[in-house]
C-alpha atoms as a PDB file:
ATOM      1  CA  MET A   1     102.912 110.744  89.837  1.00  0.00           C
ATOM      2  CA  PHE A   2     100.363 108.558  91.643  1.00  0.00           C
ATOM      3  CA  GLN A   3      97.789 109.039  94.462  1.00  0.00           C
ATOM      4  CA  LEU A   4      97.775 107.265  97.745  1.00  0.00           C
ATOM      5  CA  GLY A   5      94.960 108.457 100.050  1.00  0.00           C
ATOM      6  CA  LYS A   6      95.406 112.181 100.343  1.00  0.00           C
ATOM      7  CA  THR A   7      98.952 112.183  98.881  1.00  0.00           C
ATOM      8  CA  ILE A   8     100.255 112.771  95.471  1.00  0.00           C
ATOM      9  CA  VAL A   9     103.456 110.939  95.140  1.00  0.00           C
ATOM     10  CA  SER A  10     106.282 111.211  92.685  1.00  0.00           C
ATOM     11  CA  GLU A  11     107.402 108.045  91.005  1.00  0.00           C
ATOM     12  CA  ASP A  12     111.016 109.225  91.523  1.00  0.00           C
ATOM     13  CA  ILE A  13     110.804 107.855  95.094  1.00  0.00           C
ATOM     14  CA  ILE A  14     110.104 104.353  93.944  1.00  0.00           C
ATOM     15  CA  GLU A  15     112.340 104.632  90.834  1.00  0.00           C
ATOM     16  CA  LYS A  16     115.665 106.521  92.245  1.00  0.00           C
ATOM     17  CA  ASP A  17     118.003 104.842  94.567  1.00  0.00           C
ATOM     18  CA  PHE A  18     119.490 106.717  97.691  1.00  0.00           C
ATOM     19  CA  VAL A  19     121.422 105.710 100.788  1.00  0.00           C
ATOM     20  CA  CYS A  20     123.169 108.550 102.728  1.00  0.00           C
ATOM     21  CA  ASN A  21     126.822 108.632 102.476  1.00  0.00           C
ATOM     22  CA  LEU A  22     128.061 110.736 105.309  1.00  0.00           C
ATOM     23  CA  SER A  23     131.616 109.832 104.754  1.00  0.00           C
ATOM     24  CA  ALA A  24     131.381 111.420 101.373  1.00  0.00           C
ATOM     25  CA  CYS A  25     129.042 114.376 101.842  1.00  0.00           C
ATOM     26  CA  LYS A  26     129.979 115.166 105.525  1.00  0.00           C
ATOM     27  CA  GLY A  27     126.371 116.060 106.141  1.00  0.00           C
ATOM     28  CA  ALA A  28     126.238 118.844 103.634  1.00  0.00           C
ATOM     29  CA  CYS A  29     122.397 118.991 103.586  1.00  0.00           C
ATOM     30  CA  CYS A  30     122.476 120.438 107.130  1.00  0.00           C
ATOM     31  CA  VAL A  31     124.968 123.223 106.442  1.00  0.00           C
ATOM     32  CA  ASP A  32     124.235 124.143 102.807  1.00  0.00           C
ATOM     33  CA  GLY A  33     121.350 125.924 101.216  1.00  0.00           C
ATOM     34  CA  ASP A  34     119.574 129.013 102.171  1.00  0.00           C
ATOM     35  CA  ALA A  35     116.778 127.762 104.584  1.00  0.00           C
ATOM     36  CA  GLY A  36     116.466 125.824 107.886  1.00  0.00           C
ATOM     37  CA  ALA A  37     114.608 122.508 108.139  1.00  0.00           C
ATOM     38  CA  PRO A  38     110.818 122.760 107.428  1.00  0.00           C
ATOM     39  CA  LEU A  39     108.711 122.325 110.681  1.00  0.00           C
ATOM     40  CA  ASP A  40     105.072 122.107 111.369  1.00  0.00           C
ATOM     41  CA  LYS A  41     103.323 123.834 114.263  1.00  0.00           C
ATOM     42  CA  GLU A  42     103.549 120.875 116.593  1.00  0.00           C
ATOM     43  CA  GLU A  43     107.202 120.311 115.893  1.00  0.00           C
ATOM     44  CA  ALA A  44     107.907 124.017 116.702  1.00  0.00           C
ATOM     45  CA  LYS A  45     105.967 123.432 120.026  1.00  0.00           C
ATOM     46  CA  ILE A  46     108.129 120.211 120.578  1.00  0.00           C
ATOM     47  CA  LEU A  47     111.409 122.139 119.863  1.00  0.00           C
ATOM     48  CA  LYS A  48     110.605 124.697 122.422  1.00  0.00           C
ATOM     49  CA  GLU A  49     109.771 122.115 125.160  1.00  0.00           C
ATOM     50  CA  ILE A  50     112.899 119.951 124.674  1.00  0.00           C
ATOM     51  CA  TYR A  51     115.319 122.834 123.922  1.00  0.00           C
ATOM     52  CA  PRO A  52     116.702 122.804 127.491  1.00  0.00           C
ATOM     53  CA  LYS A  53     117.660 119.108 127.218  1.00  0.00           C
ATOM     54  CA  VAL A  54     119.052 119.593 123.693  1.00  0.00           C
ATOM     55  CA  LYS A  55     120.912 122.769 124.477  1.00  0.00           C
ATOM     56  CA  PRO A  56     123.880 120.869 126.108  1.00  0.00           C
ATOM     57  CA  PHE A  57     124.539 119.005 122.851  1.00  0.00           C
ATOM     58  CA  LEU A  58     124.697 122.264 120.623  1.00  0.00           C
ATOM     59  CA  ARG A  59     127.579 124.410 119.532  1.00  0.00           C
ATOM     60  CA  LYS A  60     127.818 127.860 121.235  1.00  0.00           C
ATOM     61  CA  GLU A  61     126.885 129.437 117.741  1.00  0.00           C
ATOM     62  CA  GLY A  62     123.858 127.310 117.519  1.00  0.00           C
ATOM     63  CA  VAL A  63     122.805 128.169 121.113  1.00  0.00           C
ATOM     64  CA  ALA A  64     123.437 131.974 120.493  1.00  0.00           C
ATOM     65  CA  ILE A  65     121.102 132.004 117.435  1.00  0.00           C
ATOM     66  CA  ILE A  66     118.434 129.924 119.050  1.00  0.00           C
ATOM     67  CA  GLU A  67     118.469 132.133 122.140  1.00  0.00           C
ATOM     68  CA  SER A  68     118.308 135.324 120.013  1.00  0.00           C
ATOM     69  CA  LYS A  69     115.785 134.102 117.258  1.00  0.00           C
ATOM     70  CA  GLY A  70     113.986 131.297 119.072  1.00  0.00           C
ATOM     71  CA  THR A  71     113.918 127.568 118.702  1.00  0.00           C
ATOM     72  CA  SER A  72     112.105 127.907 115.444  1.00  0.00           C
ATOM     73  CA  ILE A  73     111.513 130.936 113.031  1.00  0.00           C
ATOM     74  CA  THR A  74     108.758 132.037 110.667  1.00  0.00           C
ATOM     75  CA  THR A  75     109.817 132.901 107.353  1.00  0.00           C
ATOM     76  CA  VAL A  76     108.476 135.644 105.090  1.00  0.00           C
ATOM     77  CA  PHE A  77     106.278 133.013 103.403  1.00  0.00           C
ATOM     78  CA  ASP A  78     104.787 132.301 106.815  1.00  0.00           C
ATOM     79  CA  GLU A  79     106.352 128.976 107.257  1.00  0.00           C
ATOM     80  CA  LEU A  80     108.216 127.612 110.174  1.00  0.00           C
ATOM     81  CA  GLU A  81     111.660 126.498 110.070  1.00  0.00           C
ATOM     82  CA  THR A  82     114.854 125.896 112.098  1.00  0.00           C
ATOM     83  CA  PRO A  83     117.009 128.961 112.542  1.00  0.00           C
ATOM     84  CA  LEU A  84     120.256 129.275 110.619  1.00  0.00           C
ATOM     85  CA  ILE A  85     123.765 130.346 111.787  1.00  0.00           C
ATOM     86  CA  ASN A  86     124.979 133.042 109.451  1.00  0.00           C
ATOM     87  CA  GLY A  87     122.393 131.955 106.772  1.00  0.00           C
ATOM     88  CA  ALA A  88     124.031 128.454 106.366  1.00  0.00           C
ATOM     89  CA  ASP A  89     124.208 125.954 109.103  1.00  0.00           C
ATOM     90  CA  CYS A  90     121.110 124.883 110.831  1.00  0.00           C
ATOM     91  CA  ALA A  91     121.445 126.088 114.562  1.00  0.00           C
ATOM     92  CA  TYR A  92     121.038 122.540 115.659  1.00  0.00           C
ATOM     93  CA  VAL A  93     124.049 121.154 113.771  1.00  0.00           C
ATOM     94  CA  ILE A  94     126.925 119.674 115.590  1.00  0.00           C
ATOM     95  CA  PHE A  95     130.218 118.084 114.216  1.00  0.00           C
ATOM     96  CA  ASP A  96     131.823 114.951 114.884  1.00  0.00           C
ATOM     97  CA  ASP A  97     135.695 114.485 115.055  1.00  0.00           C
ATOM     98  CA  LYS A  98     135.829 113.928 111.290  1.00  0.00           C
ATOM     99  CA  LYS A  99     133.899 117.348 110.777  1.00  0.00           C
ATOM    100  CA  THR A 100     130.880 115.534 109.646  1.00  0.00           C
ATOM    101  CA  ALA A 101     127.566 117.425 110.359  1.00  0.00           C
ATOM    102  CA  LEU A 102     125.277 115.724 112.665  1.00  0.00           C
ATOM    103  CA  CYS A 103     121.992 116.691 114.381  1.00  0.00           C
ATOM    104  CA  GLY A 104     122.196 117.939 118.065  1.00  0.00           C
ATOM    105  CA  ILE A 105     118.678 116.993 118.444  1.00  0.00           C
ATOM    106  CA  GLU A 106     119.162 113.512 117.227  1.00  0.00           C
ATOM    107  CA  GLU A 107     122.284 113.162 119.373  1.00  0.00           C
ATOM    108  CA  ALA A 108     120.233 114.181 122.577  1.00  0.00           C
ATOM    109  CA  TYR A 109     117.711 111.565 121.380  1.00  0.00           C
ATOM    110  CA  ASN A 110     120.411 108.760 120.895  1.00  0.00           C
ATOM    111  CA  GLN A 111     121.672 109.573 124.438  1.00  0.00           C
ATOM    112  CA  GLY A 112     118.240 109.008 125.792  1.00  0.00           C
ATOM    113  CA  GLU A 113     117.767 112.764 126.993  1.00  0.00           C
ATOM    114  CA  ILE A 114     114.619 113.210 124.670  1.00  0.00           C
ATOM    115  CA  ASN A 115     112.067 110.941 122.897  1.00  0.00           C
ATOM    116  CA  TRP A 116     111.806 112.886 119.736  1.00  0.00           C
ATOM    117  CA  LYS A 117     114.300 111.958 116.928  1.00  0.00           C
ATOM    118  CA  LYS A 118     114.450 115.288 114.943  1.00  0.00           C
ATOM    119  CA  PRO A 119     112.155 117.110 112.621  1.00  0.00           C
ATOM    120  CA  VAL A 120     110.315 114.794 110.317  1.00  0.00           C
ATOM    121  CA  SER A 121     111.475 116.905 107.236  1.00  0.00           C
ATOM    122  CA  CYS A 122     115.150 115.954 108.206  1.00  0.00           C
ATOM    123  CA  HIS A 123     114.146 112.419 108.835  1.00  0.00           C
ATOM    124  CA  LEU A 124     112.439 112.139 105.434  1.00  0.00           C
ATOM    125  CA  TYR A 125     115.278 113.698 103.347  1.00  0.00           C
ATOM    126  CA  PRO A 126     115.699 113.343 100.362  1.00  0.00           C
ATOM    127  CA  ILE A 127     111.896 113.325 100.301  1.00  0.00           C
ATOM    128  CA  ARG A 128     110.155 116.692 100.649  1.00  0.00           C
ATOM    129  CA  VAL A 129     106.573 116.865 101.555  1.00  0.00           C
ATOM    130  CA  LYS A 130     104.466 119.960 100.576  1.00  0.00           C
ATOM    131  CA  ASP A 131     101.002 120.138 102.424  1.00  0.00           C
ATOM    132  CA  TYR A 132      98.102 121.755 100.496  1.00  0.00           C
ATOM    133  CA  SER A 133      94.576 122.187 101.569  1.00  0.00           C
ATOM    134  CA  GLU A 134      93.238 119.027  99.926  1.00  0.00           C
ATOM    135  CA  PHE A 135      96.408 116.859  99.615  1.00  0.00           C
ATOM    136  CA  SER A 136     100.130 116.562 100.343  1.00  0.00           C
ATOM    137  CA  ALA A 137     102.678 116.293  97.495  1.00  0.00           C
ATOM    138  CA  VAL A 138     105.549 113.867  98.192  1.00  0.00           C
ATOM    139  CA  ASN A 139     108.492 114.470  96.058  1.00  0.00           C
ATOM    140  CA  TYR A 140     112.118 113.442  95.781  1.00  0.00           C
ATOM    141  CA  ASP A 141     114.469 116.316  96.102  1.00  0.00           C
ATOM    142  CA  LYS A 142     117.425 115.842  93.804  1.00  0.00           C
ATOM    143  CA  TRP A 143     120.309 117.857  95.116  1.00  0.00           C
ATOM    144  CA  GLU A 144     123.851 117.534  93.659  1.00  0.00           C
ATOM    145  CA  ILE A 145     125.418 117.350  97.168  1.00  0.00           C
ATOM    146  CA  CYS A 146     123.736 113.986  97.566  1.00  0.00           C
ATOM    147  CA  ASP A 147     125.297 112.468  94.327  1.00  0.00           C
ATOM    148  CA  ASP A 148     127.410 110.150  96.408  1.00  0.00           C
ATOM    149  CA  ALA A 149     124.088 108.997  98.153  1.00  0.00           C
ATOM    150  CA  CYS A 150     122.529 108.226  94.819  1.00  0.00           C
ATOM    151  CA  THR A 151     125.694 106.176  93.764  1.00  0.00           C
ATOM    152  CA  LEU A 152     125.767 104.160  96.912  1.00  0.00           C
ATOM    153  CA  GLY A 153     121.901 103.630  96.714  1.00  0.00           C
ATOM    154  CA  THR A 154     122.502 102.230  93.241  1.00  0.00           C
ATOM    155  CA  GLU A 155     125.352 100.059  94.418  1.00  0.00           C
ATOM    156  CA  LEU A 156     123.165  98.676  97.286  1.00  0.00           C
ATOM    157  CA  GLN A 157     119.996  98.768  95.277  1.00  0.00           C
ATOM    158  CA  VAL A 158     117.966 100.771  97.785  1.00  0.00           C
ATOM    159  CA  PRO A 159     115.143 102.794  96.541  1.00  0.00           C
ATOM    160  CA  VAL A 160     114.454 106.182  98.152  1.00  0.00           C
ATOM    161  CA  TYR A 161     111.378 105.065  99.672  1.00  0.00           C
ATOM    162  CA  ARG A 162     112.961 102.017 101.340  1.00  0.00           C
ATOM    163  CA  PHE A 163     115.934 104.236 102.655  1.00  0.00           C
ATOM    164  CA  VAL A 164     113.326 106.592 104.460  1.00  0.00           C
ATOM    165  CA  LYS A 165     110.924 103.834 105.419  1.00  0.00           C
ATOM    166  CA  GLU A 166     110.864 104.704 109.173  1.00  0.00           C
ATOM    167  CA  ALA A 167     110.270 108.325 108.301  1.00  0.00           C
ATOM    168  CA  LEU A 168     107.480 107.681 105.944  1.00  0.00           C
ATOM    169  CA  ILE A 169     105.752 105.452 108.516  1.00  0.00           C
ATOM    170  CA  ARG A 170     106.258 108.292 110.993  1.00  0.00           C
ATOM    171  CA  LYS A 171     104.651 110.745 108.603  1.00  0.00           C
ATOM    172  CA  PHE A 172     101.985 108.953 106.978  1.00  0.00           C
ATOM    173  CA  GLY A 173     101.430 105.631 108.957  1.00  0.00           C
ATOM    174  CA  GLU A 174     102.100 101.937 108.300  1.00  0.00           C
ATOM    175  CA  ASP A 175      99.053 101.303 106.062  1.00  0.00           C
ATOM    176  CA  TRP A 176     100.077 104.181 103.802  1.00  0.00           C
ATOM    177  CA  TYR A 177     103.629 102.723 103.556  1.00  0.00           C
ATOM    178  CA  MET A 178     102.301  99.170 102.899  1.00  0.00           C
ATOM    179  CA  GLU A 179     100.292 100.727  99.981  1.00  0.00           C
ATOM    180  CA  LEU A 180     103.508 102.459  98.702  1.00  0.00           C
ATOM    181  CA  GLU A 181     105.311  99.039  98.729  1.00  0.00           C
ATOM    182  CA  SER A 182     102.439  97.494  96.798  1.00  0.00           C
ATOM    183  CA  VAL A 183     102.584 100.262  94.099  1.00  0.00           C
ATOM    184  CA  ALA A 184     106.549  99.899  93.827  1.00  0.00           C
ATOM    185  CA  LYS A 185     106.059  95.999  93.585  1.00  0.00           C
ATOM    186  CA  GLU A 186     103.447  96.333  90.721  1.00  0.00           C
ATOM    187  CA  LYS A 187     105.415  98.846  88.848  1.00  0.00           C
ATOM    188  CA  PHE A 188     108.529  96.691  88.832  1.00  0.00           C
ATOM    189  CA  ASN A 189     106.725  93.397  88.269  1.00  0.00           C
ATOM    190  CA  LYS A 190     105.472  94.774  84.856  1.00  0.00           C
END
């Protein structure tokens, strides 16, 4: 691990390779697991505001859960996240004609209906950020459903941090990302 400003960063994000391979995994990260996408308070507010524009893009099951539980929920650990359909699919998940899970929020964004892409935790995946009072921990989340993404990343020689560059800049800023690139270059030039 190394420190960048007020973040503690796992070396895995510069050492491991990753490129999402939706044709192989079918978007399993959005339908597997036991929790919704982590949100911060501002994102929960944004979801509430944009929901009327996102709703037409969602499946009826997602709309039903959102309208009964809310656009976001608070967990027993007092953390915000997206609600789930039957404890599995994110309520905002939609499927394309190949049964690949996609994000209804991102689809509304791509269609020009909203100007917010999706929760940053989704945009950052496979990186997970845990905020503490003094710093944020930036870690690589290894999950076997993403093995094909690791294989593709290795074939293409794309490290995790480069794959999620846009999201890292969105979360931490351009200067932070440039420092991260410097650390990565220094590490691999040794």
